[in-house]
Amino acid sequence: MPELRLNLLTREWVVISTERTKEPSEFKRLESKIPRPPYLKTCPFCPGNEHRTPEELLRVSEDDGWKIRVVANKYPALSRAGERRRMIDGARRLVTGVGLHEVIIESPLHNTSPAFLDVKYVEDIIRIYRDRLVEAYNDERVEHVIIFKNHGLASGTSIEHPHSQLVATPIVPVRFRDRVLAAMHYFDDTGECLTCDMLRMEREDGRRVIIDSSHFLTFIPYAALSPFHTWIFPKRHSASFSGITEEEIREIAVSLKTLLTKLFWGLDDPDYNLVISSSRPQDMGNEYSHWYLTIIPRISQTAGFELGSGMFINPSLPEKSAEFLKSVHAS
C-alpha cells in the first residue's frame, strides 16, 4: 500500500508509491552522454576565452594559469546597480530587482566535475562558496543568498562547462521563510532543534544513511521528495554556512565528492541540482535551524498532480535508494 510521508523540515507531503516503486538500478540513465572535450573553443568559460565573460570578481591561480574564477553573470537575474525600493499599490507589491548574480567557474577543464576533482580542489570550491556568500551579505540590499549548481541539461544548465552560481536577492523567498518558521514552531513546542532531532533519529535508524562522518551526515530523508534526493547536514548546530570551519570544509569536500562519485557510477552520471540552503551570517547562532546541502538527481519529472496539489510522488523507497548508493564503490 502507498504511504504518505511528511517531510517535517519542508512541511511537504510525499506519496511513496509502493505500487509503482522502481528498483534503484532502474533509474540509471538510458541514453549515453556525448563525451565532452577538455577544451572547447566556443565555450566562454574555457581558458583563452576570458574576454568573453563579464567582470572577473575573483581568481585562484595555479601554475601559469587559473584554477577557479568568479565572474559576474552575463545575463543576470538581478541588477548589481541600483537601490532596493519597495512599492505598494493596493493589492500589488513590488521590490526593485537589485541584487547579485555570480558564476563560479570551477575548473579550466571543460569535461570534468567535482566527482573527479582532487579532494583539495573541492575544498577550494567550498571555501569560495563560503567567502562569496559572506561577501554578498555585506551588501545592505541583500536579504537572502542561495548557492547552486546545475549539472546536465535536465537540471536547467545552458553551459556544460563545470560551474556554480550565486544569487543574492533583496527579499527572503517564501519557501525558505516557511522552513525557518516551521523550525521555530518545533523549537517553541519542544525546546529542541528540529534538525538535531531529525539527524539523531536518522543515525539511530541507519537505513537511509549513506555516509556518517565526524562532522556531517549524508542521507536520503524519510520523506524524500524525489528519487535519490539527498541531504548533507552538519552535525554541529549551525544556522549559517558562513560559519563552516576548516576542518568541516575538509570533511564535507570528501562527503560531497564521494556522493557525486557514487551517483556517477551508480546511475550513469545523472543530471542533478546542488543547492546550499543557509541563513544569514548574523543568524548563525540561532537555536532552531541548520544550513545544509541538497543534491537532487533529475531522474523523474513533476506532472499535473504535483503542480496541482503541491504534493510529490516518489517512485522509489528512500531506504532502498540509500542502500543502493552505499553499495556503489566510489573511486
Foldseek 3Di string as FASTA:
>chain_A
DWDWDADLLQRFIAIQPQVLADFLLVLFDPDADDADAQDDPPACLAPPNVVVFAAWDDFDPDDPGTAKTKGFHPDDPAAQDDDWDWDDDPPDIDTHRHAGKMKIQLGNTQGDELLPDDLVSLLVVLVVVLVVQQVRVVPVQFAFKKKKFWADVLSPDPRNRGMIMMITGSDDDPSLVVSQVSLVVVCVVPVAAPVLVQVVVCVVVVLFWQDDDDFWTKGQHQRHQEFPKIKIFTNPQWQFSNPQDSVNSSVVSVVVSLLQLLCCVSRVNFTKMKMWHHHHPVCGPDRHHGIIIIIGGSSDDDDDVCVVPVYGYYSHRSSSSSVSSNPRDRD
